[in-house]
Structure formats: C-alpha cells, structure tokens
Protein backbone atom coordinates (compact mmCIF):
# COMPACT_ATOMS: atom_id res chain seq x y z
CA MET A 1 -40.93 -29.33 -36.13
CA THR A 2 -42.83 -31.60 -33.75
CA LEU A 3 -41.37 -34.20 -31.46
CA SER A 4 -43.09 -37.05 -33.31
CA SER A 5 -41.41 -36.08 -36.59
CA THR A 6 -37.93 -36.48 -35.09
CA LEU A 7 -38.48 -39.94 -33.56
CA PRO A 8 -38.08 -43.11 -35.64
CA ALA A 9 -41.30 -44.86 -36.60
CA ALA A 10 -40.17 -48.35 -35.55
CA SER A 11 -37.99 -49.66 -32.77
CA ILE A 12 -34.68 -51.32 -33.51
CA LYS A 13 -34.21 -54.95 -32.54
CA LEU A 14 -30.79 -56.03 -31.34
CA SER A 15 -29.45 -59.22 -32.86
CA PHE A 16 -27.64 -61.66 -30.55
CA HIS A 17 -26.85 -64.35 -33.12
CA LYS A 18 -23.46 -65.11 -34.64
CA ALA A 19 -23.96 -62.83 -37.66
CA THR A 20 -21.50 -60.04 -38.40
CA ASP A 21 -23.99 -57.36 -37.27
CA GLY A 22 -24.90 -59.11 -34.01
CA PHE A 23 -24.01 -58.38 -30.41
CA ASN A 24 -22.59 -60.68 -27.78
CA ARG A 25 -25.14 -61.69 -25.18
CA TRP A 26 -22.65 -61.55 -22.27
CA ASP A 27 -20.33 -58.78 -21.16
CA MET A 28 -17.49 -58.89 -18.67
CA GLY A 29 -15.77 -55.99 -16.96
CA ILE A 30 -14.42 -54.48 -13.78
CA GLN A 31 -15.65 -51.60 -11.68
CA ALA A 32 -13.82 -49.33 -9.25
CA GLY A 33 -14.89 -46.35 -7.25
CA GLY A 34 -15.57 -44.88 -3.89
CA GLY A 35 -17.80 -42.62 -1.94
CA TYR A 36 -18.13 -40.42 1.09
CA VAL A 37 -20.97 -39.45 3.45
CA PHE A 38 -21.19 -35.81 4.58
CA HIS A 39 -23.02 -35.44 7.91
CA LEU A 40 -25.09 -32.25 7.72
CA LYS A 41 -27.30 -30.73 10.47
CA LYS A 42 -30.47 -32.80 9.98
CA THR A 43 -29.64 -34.93 6.96
CA ASN A 44 -26.75 -36.76 5.38
CA LEU A 45 -25.38 -36.32 1.87
CA ALA A 46 -23.67 -39.28 0.21
CA LEU A 47 -21.60 -38.96 -2.97
CA ASP A 48 -20.39 -41.99 -4.89
CA LEU A 49 -18.26 -42.05 -8.05
CA ARG A 50 -17.56 -45.26 -10.02
CA TYR A 51 -15.93 -46.18 -13.31
CA SER A 52 -16.80 -49.34 -15.26
CA TYR A 53 -14.32 -50.79 -17.75
CA GLY A 54 -15.47 -53.51 -20.17
CA LEU A 55 -13.00 -56.35 -20.72
CA SER A 56 -14.82 -58.19 -23.52
CA SER A 57 -16.09 -56.82 -26.82
CA ILE A 58 -19.88 -56.47 -27.02
CA ALA A 59 -20.10 -56.54 -30.84
CA GLN A 60 -19.52 -59.33 -33.36
CA ASP A 61 -18.25 -57.17 -36.23
CA THR A 62 -15.79 -54.81 -34.53
CA GLU A 63 -14.11 -54.10 -31.22
CA ARG A 64 -16.63 -52.29 -28.98
CA TYR A 65 -16.34 -52.16 -25.22
CA ASN A 66 -18.57 -50.85 -22.47
CA ARG A 67 -17.25 -47.86 -20.56
CA ALA A 68 -19.24 -45.95 -17.95
CA LEU A 69 -18.74 -43.21 -15.42
CA ASN A 70 -21.40 -43.21 -12.69
CA LEU A 71 -22.05 -40.44 -10.16
CA SER A 72 -24.62 -41.09 -7.44
CA VAL A 73 -25.98 -38.46 -5.05
CA LEU A 74 -28.10 -39.53 -2.08
CA ILE A 75 -29.73 -37.31 0.55
CA PHE A 76 -31.11 -39.16 3.55
CA LYS A 77 -32.08 -38.80 7.21
CA PRO A 78 -30.54 -41.19 9.70
CA TRP A 79 -32.93 -43.53 11.52
CA LYS A 80 -33.80 -42.76 15.11
CA LYS A 81 -34.22 -46.48 15.73
CA ASN A 82 -33.06 -49.20 13.35
CA PRO A 83 -36.05 -51.46 12.51
CA PHE A 84 -33.72 -54.22 11.26
CA ALA A 85 -31.63 -54.43 14.45
CA LYS A 86 -32.05 -57.51 16.62
CA HIS A 87 -34.31 -56.83 19.58
CA GLN A 88 -32.79 -57.65 22.94
C-alpha cells in the first residue's frame, strides 16, 4: 500500500452558507491556562498549558463546539543586553 493510495484524490471545500451542511463563519470561546519558566544553567525552559472552550456551535446542522488543549514548550537563552530597551 502506497501513501498516495490512502489519500483522497480531491480536497474538501467547507461550506459557510446557511445550508444544513454548512459551518458558521465565526466562533466564540474562552481560554484559560498558565505557564512557568524554569531557569536552568545556561538556558531557560518555559512550559505553558492552555484549554480552549468553544461557546458557540460551529456547525449549521448539529451542535458542534471547538475544544482544544494546548501544550507549549520553549527553550531559550536570556539576552545579555536587551536590544528593545530604551537607551539612556
């Protein structure tokens, strides 16, 4: 079985009109979360966890809501001198 035989031949277009199989163009929701920065020897490690909760249905035909759990991991080195700081 090749990869090309498992993929659909044509892309699917989403319908945003007022038909029963359409989707709503706008979505509304809330998001909550938090994060923490771990200061390591030469770098920093930042972890951030957020949850998104859709308040409005995204589909015309049935009740469908967006839900998402997002985990972000960032590894970075602190600046020796901030280039965006105001020069005195």
